[in-house]
Structures are given as C-alpha cells and as structure tokens.
C-alpha cells in the first residue's frame, strides 16, 4: 500500500510540474501575443502616417506638375495639314482670325506641336506653350470667341485633374441650370463659395444632384444618369439595333420639326460622323473624306437606322 501511495504521490508531483510548465508556456505565449498586438497597432499607425505622407507627396507632385504646365494650352479639332511647319501658322491664324486677338505677333511661343502619332480619321490636338504667362491669360480669356466653331481650347491639366473634372462636370451643369455660380479650381468644383471633390459626389446637397436638381436635362446630365445604368453586354449586343431603332423613331415621331428635317433629306445617304466604328462612319466631320459615303470605314448603323426611319415616316 505504501508503495502504491508513493507512486500516486510521484504521479501527482509530475502532473503538477507538467501543469506548471504549461502555465508558464501559456503566460509566455500571452506575453508574445500582447507584444505582437502592440507591434500590429504600431504598424497600423505607421501605415496611416505613411498614407498621409503619400497623399501630401502626391498632392505636391501634382501641384508641381500643374505649375510646370501653367503656360500651356491645348487646341482641339484643328484639321491637319501636310508639313510640321504649318502648325505654328495654323495656331497663329486661329488666334488672329477666329479669336480676334490683336497682339499675336508680339507673343512669344516656346513650343508648338501636335501631340501623338498621326491618326487616319482624327486630328491630333495642338499643344502650345507661351513664354509669358500674360500671353497665356490673354488667349485663355478670349476662349469664348470659339463658341459656334469646331475649335475647342483647353488648359493643360494633370490626368488626375481631367478625370476629376469629368466626374464633376454633371454636377457643375446641374448647378448652373439651377442658377448657381460654378467654376473649377484644380480638381475641385466651387459652387457659390463651397468646394466639392469627387469624394463628395455621393453626399451632394439635393440642389446639386444631377438626377434631381432640375427638370431640364442636358447632354452632361443625361450622360451622368446613363453611365450609372449597368447592363449585360451580351444582352445589349443582341438587342441594341432594335432598341436604337425604337428610340430614334420615337424621337422623330414626337417632334414635327425634326421629322420634316429628316424627310427633307430625300434619298441622301445619312451617316453618323463619329469615330465609333459600329454606330458611326469611322471619322468625324473634320476629316474631308467623311463627306464621301463610298469610303466610309465604319458600319454606320445609326445612319442606316435614320434612313430606315425616314422611309417608315414617308
């Protein structure tokens, strides 16, 4: 019996030692876990600090990029002519004859060139840089004279600014339709003294929401609403010609003036002057070849639909 008791006591002692060792290991693991948790929190804090620093650095880079482009302007929709020497003469002529700027001959140009490789059906934009900022301001302040022409002049902005303005433009249109004063400042839109960025779009005041601000619909507002529609591409491909025909026919049935205008084209070939190869002829009106239906490169399905609707309305 004593031997048995001794064995039991020995087992208990060994078990106690094992439990004690396991408790010590658990305490060590707990300390390690706590240490790791602290390290994780420190890493999160460092990551947050790095993100803030990255945003500030990115903003600084974009700001420097804006400054470097400050004297630049971009002229769009200018038909291309043979010979690079004509680019400067073309710009000078537009500034003088179309924009009616009197002191063009006194302006100093640092660089004038077409951007990118030549395209078959589209005129490349003309980039030009002024030496003096005052000359740049003179040209920019006269941009309103291009209204009614095919020419468009833009500021040379960083890509991030161009993207942001594109997303904010429907908001600007909605604001102007409701009598608000709106203008862009960098990648922000100012409306009656308040500044809005792309991140503010989901929480816009009701009077600036392009979908509800005004009943009048412009191209910008309708495009904004249309871009939010999600459709299955494969389904659309099988129904787009029918749907477009129905939409186009409804347009002319509801408007007598448009109907008369369409019927007045008689048996002429109609084309959608767009670089879109499916709906359009594959080129814009800036390309002289767009007037020759025999060499249209696009499928011109919108033009064909117009001609079918014209036949149906006779």
C-alpha atoms as a PDB file:
ATOM      1  CA  UNK A   1       0.000   0.000   0.000  1.00  0.00           C
ATOM      2  CA  UNK A   2       2.821   2.406   0.866  1.00  0.00           C
ATOM      3  CA  UNK A   3       4.419   1.682  -2.468  1.00  0.00           C
ATOM      4  CA  UNK A   4       1.148   2.451  -4.244  1.00  0.00           C
ATOM      5  CA  UNK A   5       0.741   5.680  -2.303  1.00  0.00           C
ATOM      6  CA  UNK A   6       4.301   6.676  -3.164  1.00  0.00           C
ATOM      7  CA  UNK A   7       3.616   6.064  -6.852  1.00  0.00           C
ATOM      8  CA  UNK A   8       0.432   8.145  -6.728  1.00  0.00           C
ATOM      9  CA  UNK A   9       2.268  10.978  -4.991  1.00  0.00           C
ATOM     10  CA  UNK A  10       5.025  10.799  -7.604  1.00  0.00           C
ATOM     11  CA  UNK A  11       2.459  10.947 -10.412  1.00  0.00           C
ATOM     12  CA  UNK A  12       0.769  13.943  -8.781  1.00  0.00           C
ATOM     13  CA  UNK A  13       4.108  15.673  -8.439  1.00  0.00           C
ATOM     14  CA  UNK A  14       4.960  15.044 -12.084  1.00  0.00           C
ATOM     15  CA  UNK A  15       1.499  16.193 -13.161  1.00  0.00           C
ATOM     16  CA  UNK A  16       1.875  19.383 -11.115  1.00  0.00           C
ATOM     17  CA  UNK A  17       5.198  20.070 -12.763  1.00  0.00           C
ATOM     18  CA  UNK A  18       3.688  19.498 -16.212  1.00  0.00           C
ATOM     19  CA  UNK A  19       0.769  21.811 -15.450  1.00  0.00           C
ATOM     20  CA  UNK A  20       3.151  24.414 -14.041  1.00  0.00           C
ATOM     21  CA  UNK A  21       5.300  24.234 -17.186  1.00  0.00           C
ATOM     22  CA  UNK A  22       2.222  24.554 -19.403  1.00  0.00           C
ATOM     23  CA  UNK A  23       1.024  27.553 -17.397  1.00  0.00           C
ATOM     24  CA  UNK A  24       4.441  29.169 -17.784  1.00  0.00           C
ATOM     25  CA  UNK A  25       4.318  28.480 -21.550  1.00  0.00           C
ATOM     26  CA  UNK A  26       0.819  29.961 -21.742  1.00  0.00           C
ATOM     27  CA  UNK A  27       1.971  33.065 -19.890  1.00  0.00           C
ATOM     28  CA  UNK A  28       4.908  33.351 -22.287  1.00  0.00           C
ATOM     29  CA  UNK A  29       2.560  32.950 -25.264  1.00  0.00           C
ATOM     30  CA  UNK A  30       0.223  35.569 -23.805  1.00  0.00           C
ATOM     31  CA  UNK A  31       3.125  37.988 -23.474  1.00  0.00           C
ATOM     32  CA  UNK A  32       4.171  37.224 -27.046  1.00  0.00           C
ATOM     33  CA  UNK A  33       0.617  37.744 -28.305  1.00  0.00           C
ATOM     34  CA  UNK A  34       0.383  41.050 -26.479  1.00  0.00           C
ATOM     35  CA  UNK A  35       3.740  42.078 -27.917  1.00  0.00           C
ATOM     36  CA  UNK A  36       2.599  41.125 -31.427  1.00  0.00           C
ATOM     37  CA  UNK A  37      -0.668  43.043 -30.921  1.00  0.00           C
ATOM     38  CA  UNK A  38       1.300  46.115 -29.912  1.00  0.00           C
ATOM     39  CA  UNK A  39       3.560  45.654 -32.943  1.00  0.00           C
ATOM     40  CA  UNK A  40       0.482  45.342 -35.199  1.00  0.00           C
ATOM     41  CA  UNK A  41      -1.023  48.539 -33.771  1.00  0.00           C
ATOM     42  CA  UNK A  42       2.318  50.306 -34.232  1.00  0.00           C
ATOM     43  CA  UNK A  43       2.460  49.083 -37.840  1.00  0.00           C
ATOM     44  CA  UNK A  44      -1.110  50.301 -38.412  1.00  0.00           C
ATOM     45  CA  UNK A  45      -0.133  53.701 -37.033  1.00  0.00           C
ATOM     46  CA  UNK A  46       2.988  53.798 -39.190  1.00  0.00           C
ATOM     47  CA  UNK A  47       0.908  52.771 -42.222  1.00  0.00           C
ATOM     48  CA  UNK A  48      -1.560  55.590 -41.525  1.00  0.00           C
ATOM     49  CA  UNK A  49       1.295  58.056 -41.208  1.00  0.00           C
ATOM     50  CA  UNK A  50       2.799  56.783 -44.480  1.00  0.00           C
ATOM     51  CA  UNK A  51      -0.581  57.084 -46.228  1.00  0.00           C
ATOM     52  CA  UNK A  52      -0.938  60.687 -45.083  1.00  0.00           C
ATOM     53  CA  UNK A  53       2.634  61.415 -46.172  1.00  0.00           C
ATOM     54  CA  UNK A  54       1.963  59.730 -49.522  1.00  0.00           C
ATOM     55  CA  UNK A  55      -1.162  61.837 -50.083  1.00  0.00           C
ATOM     56  CA  UNK A  56       0.781  65.002 -49.254  1.00  0.00           C
ATOM     57  CA  UNK A  57       3.639  63.956 -51.542  1.00  0.00           C
ATOM     58  CA  UNK A  58       1.211  63.111 -54.363  1.00  0.00           C
ATOM     59  CA  UNK A  59      -0.543  66.461 -53.928  1.00  0.00           C
ATOM     60  CA  UNK A  60       2.831  68.219 -54.026  1.00  0.00           C
ATOM     61  CA  UNK A  61       3.848  66.358 -57.203  1.00  0.00           C
ATOM     62  CA  UNK A  62       0.527  67.209 -58.880  1.00  0.00           C
ATOM     63  CA  UNK A  63       0.910  70.827 -57.741  1.00  0.00           C
ATOM     64  CA  UNK A  64       4.391  70.986 -59.269  1.00  0.00           C
ATOM     65  CA  UNK A  65       3.060  69.360 -62.437  1.00  0.00           C
ATOM     66  CA  UNK A  66       0.310  71.987 -62.636  1.00  0.00           C
ATOM     67  CA  UNK A  67       2.890  74.740 -62.210  1.00  0.00           C
ATOM     68  CA  UNK A  68       5.064  73.287 -64.970  1.00  0.00           C
ATOM     69  CA  UNK A  69       2.036  73.244 -67.316  1.00  0.00           C
ATOM     70  CA  UNK A  70       0.756  76.669 -66.341  1.00  0.00           C
ATOM     71  CA  UNK A  71       1.800  78.359 -69.604  1.00  0.00           C
ATOM     72  CA  UNK A  72       0.413  75.544 -71.796  1.00  0.00           C
ATOM     73  CA  UNK A  73      -2.836  75.430 -73.764  1.00  0.00           C
ATOM     74  CA  UNK A  74      -4.345  72.711 -75.985  1.00  0.00           C
ATOM     75  CA  UNK A  75      -6.263  73.401 -79.187  1.00  0.00           C
ATOM     76  CA  UNK A  76      -8.609  70.648 -80.406  1.00  0.00           C
ATOM     77  CA  UNK A  77     -10.407  69.828 -83.680  1.00  0.00           C
ATOM     78  CA  UNK A  78      -7.907  71.604 -85.950  1.00  0.00           C
ATOM     79  CA  UNK A  79      -7.657  69.745 -89.307  1.00  0.00           C
ATOM     80  CA  UNK A  80      -4.147  68.511 -90.032  1.00  0.00           C
ATOM     81  CA  UNK A  81      -2.144  69.818 -92.960  1.00  0.00           C
ATOM     82  CA  UNK A  82       0.989  68.413 -94.534  1.00  0.00           C
ATOM     83  CA  UNK A  83       4.251  69.660 -93.076  1.00  0.00           C
ATOM     84  CA  UNK A  84       5.047  70.409 -89.428  1.00  0.00           C
ATOM     85  CA  UNK A  85       5.978  73.990 -90.325  1.00  0.00           C
ATOM     86  CA  UNK A  86       2.286  74.779 -90.831  1.00  0.00           C
ATOM     87  CA  UNK A  87       1.316  74.064 -87.207  1.00  0.00           C
ATOM     88  CA  UNK A  88       2.596  77.408 -85.924  1.00  0.00           C
ATOM     89  CA  UNK A  89       0.980  79.228 -88.835  1.00  0.00           C
ATOM     90  CA  UNK A  90      -2.324  77.430 -88.164  1.00  0.00           C
ATOM     91  CA  UNK A  91      -2.314  78.397 -84.489  1.00  0.00           C
ATOM     92  CA  UNK A  92      -1.405  81.993 -85.305  1.00  0.00           C
ATOM     93  CA  UNK A  93      -4.221  82.192 -87.860  1.00  0.00           C
ATOM     94  CA  UNK A  94      -6.838  80.835 -85.417  1.00  0.00           C
ATOM     95  CA  UNK A  95      -5.701  83.199 -82.654  1.00  0.00           C
ATOM     96  CA  UNK A  96      -5.785  86.178 -85.029  1.00  0.00           C
ATOM     97  CA  UNK A  97      -8.739  85.492 -87.322  1.00  0.00           C
ATOM     98  CA  UNK A  98     -11.096  83.403 -85.185  1.00  0.00           C
ATOM     99  CA  UNK A  99     -10.289  84.563 -81.659  1.00  0.00           C
ATOM    100  CA  UNK A 100      -9.607  88.150 -82.836  1.00  0.00           C
ATOM    101  CA  UNK A 101      -6.539  88.631 -80.618  1.00  0.00           C
ATOM    102  CA  UNK A 102      -4.664  91.694 -81.831  1.00  0.00           C
ATOM    103  CA  UNK A 103      -1.166  91.219 -80.423  1.00  0.00           C
ATOM    104  CA  UNK A 104      -0.432  87.660 -81.548  1.00  0.00           C
ATOM    105  CA  UNK A 105       2.634  88.806 -83.488  1.00  0.00           C
ATOM    106  CA  UNK A 106       4.138  90.068 -80.221  1.00  0.00           C
ATOM    107  CA  UNK A 107       3.514  86.819 -78.323  1.00  0.00           C
ATOM    108  CA  UNK A 108       6.450  84.523 -77.620  1.00  0.00           C
ATOM    109  CA  UNK A 109       5.856  80.809 -78.164  1.00  0.00           C
ATOM    110  CA  UNK A 110       8.224  78.338 -76.532  1.00  0.00           C
ATOM    111  CA  UNK A 111       6.809  75.265 -78.295  1.00  0.00           C
ATOM    112  CA  UNK A 112       4.014  74.388 -80.742  1.00  0.00           C
ATOM    113  CA  UNK A 113       3.396  70.783 -81.796  1.00  0.00           C
ATOM    114  CA  UNK A 114       0.824  68.088 -82.492  1.00  0.00           C
ATOM    115  CA  UNK A 115       0.529  65.501 -79.722  1.00  0.00           C
ATOM    116  CA  UNK A 116       0.891  61.802 -80.541  1.00  0.00           C
ATOM    117  CA  UNK A 117       1.202  59.773 -83.711  1.00  0.00           C
ATOM    118  CA  UNK A 118      -0.819  60.722 -86.822  1.00  0.00           C
ATOM    119  CA  UNK A 119      -4.310  59.208 -86.937  1.00  0.00           C
ATOM    120  CA  UNK A 120      -6.264  58.277 -90.047  1.00  0.00           C
ATOM    121  CA  UNK A 121      -9.639  59.707 -89.041  1.00  0.00           C
ATOM    122  CA  UNK A 122      -8.930  62.171 -86.251  1.00  0.00           C
ATOM    123  CA  UNK A 123      -6.962  65.392 -85.973  1.00  0.00           C
ATOM    124  CA  UNK A 124      -4.398  65.351 -83.184  1.00  0.00           C
ATOM    125  CA  UNK A 125      -4.612  68.163 -80.609  1.00  0.00           C
ATOM    126  CA  UNK A 126      -2.121  71.033 -80.840  1.00  0.00           C
ATOM    127  CA  UNK A 127      -0.137  71.772 -77.694  1.00  0.00           C
ATOM    128  CA  UNK A 128       1.456  75.188 -77.414  1.00  0.00           C
ATOM    129  CA  UNK A 129       3.454  76.803 -74.646  1.00  0.00           C
ATOM    130  CA  UNK A 130       3.739  80.561 -74.118  1.00  0.00           C
ATOM    131  CA  UNK A 131       6.880  82.143 -72.697  1.00  0.00           C
ATOM    132  CA  UNK A 132       4.911  84.829 -70.858  1.00  0.00           C
ATOM    133  CA  UNK A 133       2.025  83.970 -68.560  1.00  0.00           C
ATOM    134  CA  UNK A 134       0.304  87.220 -69.565  1.00  0.00           C
ATOM    135  CA  UNK A 135       0.080  85.976 -73.169  1.00  0.00           C
ATOM    136  CA  UNK A 136      -1.413  82.721 -71.957  1.00  0.00           C
ATOM    137  CA  UNK A 137      -4.029  84.618 -69.921  1.00  0.00           C
ATOM    138  CA  UNK A 138      -4.887  86.754 -72.952  1.00  0.00           C
ATOM    139  CA  UNK A 139      -5.609  83.697 -75.083  1.00  0.00           C
ATOM    140  CA  UNK A 140      -7.497  81.872 -72.320  1.00  0.00           C
ATOM    141  CA  UNK A 141      -9.687  84.881 -71.527  1.00  0.00           C
ATOM    142  CA  UNK A 142     -10.728  85.039 -75.212  1.00  0.00           C
ATOM    143  CA  UNK A 143     -11.738  81.384 -75.479  1.00  0.00           C
ATOM    144  CA  UNK A 144     -15.425  82.384 -75.599  1.00  0.00           C
ATOM    145  CA  UNK A 145     -14.846  83.585 -79.196  1.00  0.00           C
ATOM    146  CA  UNK A 146     -14.560  79.926 -80.272  1.00  0.00           C
ATOM    147  CA  UNK A 147     -18.207  79.281 -79.413  1.00  0.00           C
ATOM    148  CA  UNK A 148     -20.029  78.234 -82.547  1.00  0.00           C
ATOM    149  CA  UNK A 149     -16.856  76.943 -84.228  1.00  0.00           C
ATOM    150  CA  UNK A 150     -15.447  73.432 -84.301  1.00  0.00           C
ATOM    151  CA  UNK A 151     -12.415  74.546 -82.291  1.00  0.00           C
ATOM    152  CA  UNK A 152     -12.091  73.921 -78.557  1.00  0.00           C
ATOM    153  CA  UNK A 153      -9.310  75.192 -76.316  1.00  0.00           C
ATOM    154  CA  UNK A 154      -8.416  73.533 -73.018  1.00  0.00           C
ATOM    155  CA  UNK A 155      -5.961  74.026 -70.210  1.00  0.00           C
ATOM    156  CA  UNK A 156      -3.116  71.516 -69.981  1.00  0.00           C
ATOM    157  CA  UNK A 157      -4.007  69.727 -66.747  1.00  0.00           C
ATOM    158  CA  UNK A 158      -2.669  66.610 -64.990  1.00  0.00           C
ATOM    159  CA  UNK A 159      -4.582  63.435 -65.788  1.00  0.00           C
ATOM    160  CA  UNK A 160      -5.980  63.237 -62.251  1.00  0.00           C
ATOM    161  CA  UNK A 161      -7.493  66.728 -62.632  1.00  0.00           C
ATOM    162  CA  UNK A 162      -9.001  65.873 -66.024  1.00  0.00           C
ATOM    163  CA  UNK A 163     -10.596  62.720 -64.596  1.00  0.00           C
ATOM    164  CA  UNK A 164     -11.947  64.537 -61.544  1.00  0.00           C
ATOM    165  CA  UNK A 165     -13.420  67.356 -63.626  1.00  0.00           C
ATOM    166  CA  UNK A 166     -15.067  64.839 -65.942  1.00  0.00           C
ATOM    167  CA  UNK A 167     -16.830  63.264 -62.958  1.00  0.00           C
ATOM    168  CA  UNK A 168     -17.790  66.656 -61.509  1.00  0.00           C
ATOM    169  CA  UNK A 169     -18.980  68.233 -64.770  1.00  0.00           C
ATOM    170  CA  UNK A 170     -22.584  66.922 -64.492  1.00  0.00           C
ATOM    171  CA  UNK A 171     -22.701  68.462 -61.014  1.00  0.00           C
ATOM    172  CA  UNK A 172     -21.495  71.757 -62.489  1.00  0.00           C
ATOM    173  CA  UNK A 173     -24.183  71.567 -65.191  1.00  0.00           C
ATOM    174  CA  UNK A 174     -26.888  70.863 -62.605  1.00  0.00           C
ATOM    175  CA  UNK A 175     -25.694  73.814 -60.523  1.00  0.00           C
ATOM    176  CA  UNK A 176     -25.727  76.208 -63.498  1.00  0.00           C
ATOM    177  CA  UNK A 177     -29.180  75.041 -64.585  1.00  0.00           C
ATOM    178  CA  UNK A 178     -30.436  75.970 -61.140  1.00  0.00           C
ATOM    179  CA  UNK A 179     -28.897  79.441 -61.288  1.00  0.00           C
ATOM    180  CA  UNK A 180     -25.803  78.690 -59.205  1.00  0.00           C
ATOM    181  CA  UNK A 181     -22.377  80.132 -59.929  1.00  0.00           C
ATOM    182  CA  UNK A 182     -19.962  77.240 -60.508  1.00  0.00           C
ATOM    183  CA  UNK A 183     -16.319  77.016 -61.586  1.00  0.00           C
ATOM    184  CA  UNK A 184     -13.427  74.579 -61.416  1.00  0.00           C
ATOM    185  CA  UNK A 185     -10.397  75.141 -59.245  1.00  0.00           C
ATOM    186  CA  UNK A 186      -7.866  72.367 -59.741  1.00  0.00           C
ATOM    187  CA  UNK A 187      -9.650  69.073 -59.141  1.00  0.00           C
ATOM    188  CA  UNK A 188     -12.424  70.718 -57.117  1.00  0.00           C
ATOM    189  CA  UNK A 189     -15.715  72.321 -58.135  1.00  0.00           C
ATOM    190  CA  UNK A 190     -16.688  75.562 -56.441  1.00  0.00           C
ATOM    191  CA  UNK A 191     -20.398  76.312 -56.207  1.00  0.00           C
ATOM    192  CA  UNK A 192     -21.452  79.542 -54.508  1.00  0.00           C
ATOM    193  CA  UNK A 193     -18.291  79.542 -52.405  1.00  0.00           C
ATOM    194  CA  UNK A 194     -18.466  75.866 -51.409  1.00  0.00           C
ATOM    195  CA  UNK A 195     -15.836  73.406 -52.675  1.00  0.00           C
ATOM    196  CA  UNK A 196     -16.726  69.854 -53.770  1.00  0.00           C
ATOM    197  CA  UNK A 197     -14.456  66.981 -54.788  1.00  0.00           C
ATOM    198  CA  UNK A 198     -15.130  63.601 -56.363  1.00  0.00           C
ATOM    199  CA  UNK A 199     -15.434  62.019 -52.912  1.00  0.00           C
ATOM    200  CA  UNK A 200     -18.291  64.415 -52.121  1.00  0.00           C
ATOM    201  CA  UNK A 201     -20.484  63.261 -55.032  1.00  0.00           C
ATOM    202  CA  UNK A 202     -22.402  60.561 -53.073  1.00  0.00           C
ATOM    203  CA  UNK A 203     -23.312  63.117 -50.380  1.00  0.00           C
ATOM    204  CA  UNK A 204     -24.134  66.141 -52.537  1.00  0.00           C
ATOM    205  CA  UNK A 205     -26.881  68.525 -51.416  1.00  0.00           C
ATOM    206  CA  UNK A 206     -30.157  67.798 -53.182  1.00  0.00           C
ATOM    207  CA  UNK A 207     -29.956  71.003 -55.234  1.00  0.00           C
ATOM    208  CA  UNK A 208     -26.664  69.793 -56.807  1.00  0.00           C
ATOM    209  CA  UNK A 209     -27.689  66.206 -57.528  1.00  0.00           C
ATOM    210  CA  UNK A 210     -27.728  65.893 -61.347  1.00  0.00           C
ATOM    211  CA  UNK A 211     -30.641  63.460 -61.175  1.00  0.00           C
ATOM    212  CA  UNK A 212     -32.964  65.608 -59.081  1.00  0.00           C
ATOM    213  CA  UNK A 213     -31.696  69.208 -59.133  1.00  0.00           C
ATOM    214  CA  UNK A 214     -33.614  70.385 -62.213  1.00  0.00           C
ATOM    215  CA  UNK A 215     -36.161  69.001 -64.617  1.00  0.00           C
ATOM    216  CA  UNK A 216     -34.216  70.315 -67.631  1.00  0.00           C
ATOM    217  CA  UNK A 217     -31.879  67.634 -68.994  1.00  0.00           C
ATOM    218  CA  UNK A 218     -28.646  68.473 -70.812  1.00  0.00           C
ATOM    219  CA  UNK A 219     -26.194  66.143 -72.512  1.00  0.00           C
ATOM    220  CA  UNK A 220     -23.909  66.162 -69.448  1.00  0.00           C
ATOM    221  CA  UNK A 221     -26.721  65.354 -67.043  1.00  0.00           C
ATOM    222  CA  UNK A 222     -28.185  62.624 -69.236  1.00  0.00           C
ATOM    223  CA  UNK A 223     -24.745  61.078 -69.734  1.00  0.00           C
ATOM    224  CA  UNK A 224     -24.242  61.123 -65.956  1.00  0.00           C
ATOM    225  CA  UNK A 225     -27.524  59.259 -65.467  1.00  0.00           C
ATOM    226  CA  UNK A 226     -26.842  56.883 -68.355  1.00  0.00           C
ATOM    227  CA  UNK A 227     -23.381  55.965 -67.085  1.00  0.00           C
ATOM    228  CA  UNK A 228     -24.963  54.728 -63.854  1.00  0.00           C
ATOM    229  CA  UNK A 229     -27.052  52.167 -65.743  1.00  0.00           C
ATOM    230  CA  UNK A 230     -25.496  48.717 -65.551  1.00  0.00           C
ATOM    231  CA  UNK A 231     -26.342  46.402 -68.442  1.00  0.00           C
ATOM    232  CA  UNK A 232     -25.252  42.980 -69.608  1.00  0.00           C
ATOM    233  CA  UNK A 233     -23.035  43.487 -72.664  1.00  0.00           C
ATOM    234  CA  UNK A 234     -24.060  40.242 -74.343  1.00  0.00           C
ATOM    235  CA  UNK A 235     -27.758  41.023 -73.954  1.00  0.00           C
ATOM    236  CA  UNK A 236     -27.222  44.559 -75.246  1.00  0.00           C
ATOM    237  CA  UNK A 237     -25.405  43.283 -78.333  1.00  0.00           C
ATOM    238  CA  UNK A 238     -28.434  41.205 -79.294  1.00  0.00           C
ATOM    239  CA  UNK A 239     -30.982  43.992 -78.774  1.00  0.00           C
ATOM    240  CA  UNK A 240     -29.124  47.275 -79.459  1.00  0.00           C
ATOM    241  CA  UNK A 241     -30.215  47.674 -83.099  1.00  0.00           C
ATOM    242  CA  UNK A 242     -33.895  47.135 -82.233  1.00  0.00           C
ATOM    243  CA  UNK A 243     -33.730  49.420 -79.193  1.00  0.00           C
ATOM    244  CA  UNK A 244     -31.903  52.149 -81.111  1.00  0.00           C
ATOM    245  CA  UNK A 245     -34.431  51.965 -83.942  1.00  0.00           C
ATOM    246  CA  UNK A 246     -37.315  52.337 -81.477  1.00  0.00           C
ATOM    247  CA  UNK A 247     -35.618  55.279 -79.735  1.00  0.00           C
ATOM    248  CA  UNK A 248     -34.760  57.085 -82.966  1.00  0.00           C
ATOM    249  CA  UNK A 249     -38.240  56.600 -84.399  1.00  0.00           C
ATOM    250  CA  UNK A 250     -39.843  57.877 -81.182  1.00  0.00           C
ATOM    251  CA  UNK A 251     -37.628  60.968 -81.385  1.00  0.00           C
ATOM    252  CA  UNK A 252     -38.851  61.930 -84.859  1.00  0.00           C
ATOM    253  CA  UNK A 253     -42.474  60.892 -84.329  1.00  0.00           C
ATOM    254  CA  UNK A 254     -42.755  63.224 -81.319  1.00  0.00           C
ATOM    255  CA  UNK A 255     -41.151  66.246 -82.986  1.00  0.00           C
ATOM    256  CA  UNK A 256     -42.679  67.552 -86.215  1.00  0.00           C
ATOM    257  CA  UNK A 257     -39.764  69.895 -86.981  1.00  0.00           C
ATOM    258  CA  UNK A 258     -37.225  67.098 -86.683  1.00  0.00           C
ATOM    259  CA  UNK A 259     -39.469  64.861 -88.774  1.00  0.00           C
ATOM    260  CA  UNK A 260     -39.667  67.494 -91.545  1.00  0.00           C
ATOM    261  CA  UNK A 261     -35.914  67.956 -91.414  1.00  0.00           C
ATOM    262  CA  UNK A 262     -35.324  64.207 -91.758  1.00  0.00           C
ATOM    263  CA  UNK A 263     -37.791  63.813 -94.630  1.00  0.00           C
ATOM    264  CA  UNK A 264     -36.209  66.801 -96.394  1.00  0.00           C
ATOM    265  CA  UNK A 265     -33.024  64.752 -96.873  1.00  0.00           C
ATOM    266  CA  UNK A 266     -34.900  62.781 -99.534  1.00  0.00           C
ATOM    267  CA  UNK A 267     -32.834  59.811-100.661  1.00  0.00           C
ATOM    268  CA  UNK A 268     -29.465  61.115 -99.488  1.00  0.00           C
ATOM    269  CA  UNK A 269     -27.149  58.749 -97.671  1.00  0.00           C
ATOM    270  CA  UNK A 270     -27.074  59.584 -93.961  1.00  0.00           C
ATOM    271  CA  UNK A 271     -24.085  58.929 -91.760  1.00  0.00           C
ATOM    272  CA  UNK A 272     -23.180  59.284 -88.098  1.00  0.00           C
ATOM    273  CA  UNK A 273     -19.972  61.365 -88.246  1.00  0.00           C
ATOM    274  CA  UNK A 274     -18.232  59.590 -85.405  1.00  0.00           C
ATOM    275  CA  UNK A 275     -15.056  57.568 -84.927  1.00  0.00           C
ATOM    276  CA  UNK A 276     -17.258  54.828 -83.455  1.00  0.00           C
ATOM    277  CA  UNK A 277     -16.862  52.001 -85.977  1.00  0.00           C
ATOM    278  CA  UNK A 278     -20.182  50.366 -85.058  1.00  0.00           C
ATOM    279  CA  UNK A 279     -22.656  53.237 -84.861  1.00  0.00           C
ATOM    280  CA  UNK A 280     -20.661  55.725 -86.936  1.00  0.00           C
ATOM    281  CA  UNK A 281     -18.816  56.054 -90.236  1.00  0.00           C
ATOM    282  CA  UNK A 282     -15.402  55.813 -88.573  1.00  0.00           C
ATOM    283  CA  UNK A 283     -14.468  59.503 -88.896  1.00  0.00           C
ATOM    284  CA  UNK A 284     -15.614  62.974 -87.849  1.00  0.00           C
ATOM    285  CA  UNK A 285     -16.610  65.953 -89.986  1.00  0.00           C
ATOM    286  CA  UNK A 286     -13.119  67.367 -89.511  1.00  0.00           C
ATOM    287  CA  UNK A 287     -11.936  64.694 -91.948  1.00  0.00           C
ATOM    288  CA  UNK A 288     -12.771  65.810 -95.549  1.00  0.00           C
ATOM    289  CA  UNK A 289     -13.204  62.144 -96.550  1.00  0.00           C
ATOM    290  CA  UNK A 290     -16.206  61.867 -94.234  1.00  0.00           C
ATOM    291  CA  UNK A 291     -18.297  63.512 -96.981  1.00  0.00           C
ATOM    292  CA  UNK A 292     -17.675  60.585 -99.351  1.00  0.00           C
ATOM    293  CA  UNK A 293     -20.053  57.758 -98.417  1.00  0.00           C
ATOM    294  CA  UNK A 294     -18.169  55.399-100.704  1.00  0.00           C
ATOM    295  CA  UNK A 295     -15.130  55.277 -98.438  1.00  0.00           C
ATOM    296  CA  UNK A 296     -16.734  55.253 -95.005  1.00  0.00           C
ATOM    297  CA  UNK A 297     -14.818  52.795 -92.820  1.00  0.00           C
ATOM    298  CA  UNK A 298     -17.437  52.291 -90.087  1.00  0.00           C
ATOM    299  CA  UNK A 299     -20.617  50.188 -90.128  1.00  0.00           C
ATOM    300  CA  UNK A 300     -22.727  53.359 -89.730  1.00  0.00           C
ATOM    301  CA  UNK A 301     -25.649  51.521 -88.123  1.00  0.00           C
ATOM    302  CA  UNK A 302     -27.054  54.750 -86.683  1.00  0.00           C
ATOM    303  CA  UNK A 303     -27.061  56.306 -90.152  1.00  0.00           C
ATOM    304  CA  UNK A 304     -28.770  53.218 -91.533  1.00  0.00           C
ATOM    305  CA  UNK A 305     -31.399  53.386 -88.787  1.00  0.00           C
ATOM    306  CA  UNK A 306     -32.032  57.050 -89.639  1.00  0.00           C
ATOM    307  CA  UNK A 307     -32.583  56.133 -93.288  1.00  0.00           C
ATOM    308  CA  UNK A 308     -34.952  53.306 -92.302  1.00  0.00           C
ATOM    309  CA  UNK A 309     -36.955  55.617 -90.043  1.00  0.00           C
ATOM    310  CA  UNK A 310     -37.068  58.193 -92.857  1.00  0.00           C
ATOM    311  CA  UNK A 311     -38.553  55.516 -95.152  1.00  0.00           C
ATOM    312  CA  UNK A 312     -41.101  54.457 -92.493  1.00  0.00           C
ATOM    313  CA  UNK A 313     -42.251  58.066 -91.910  1.00  0.00           C
ATOM    314  CA  UNK A 314     -42.869  58.891 -95.575  1.00  0.00           C
END
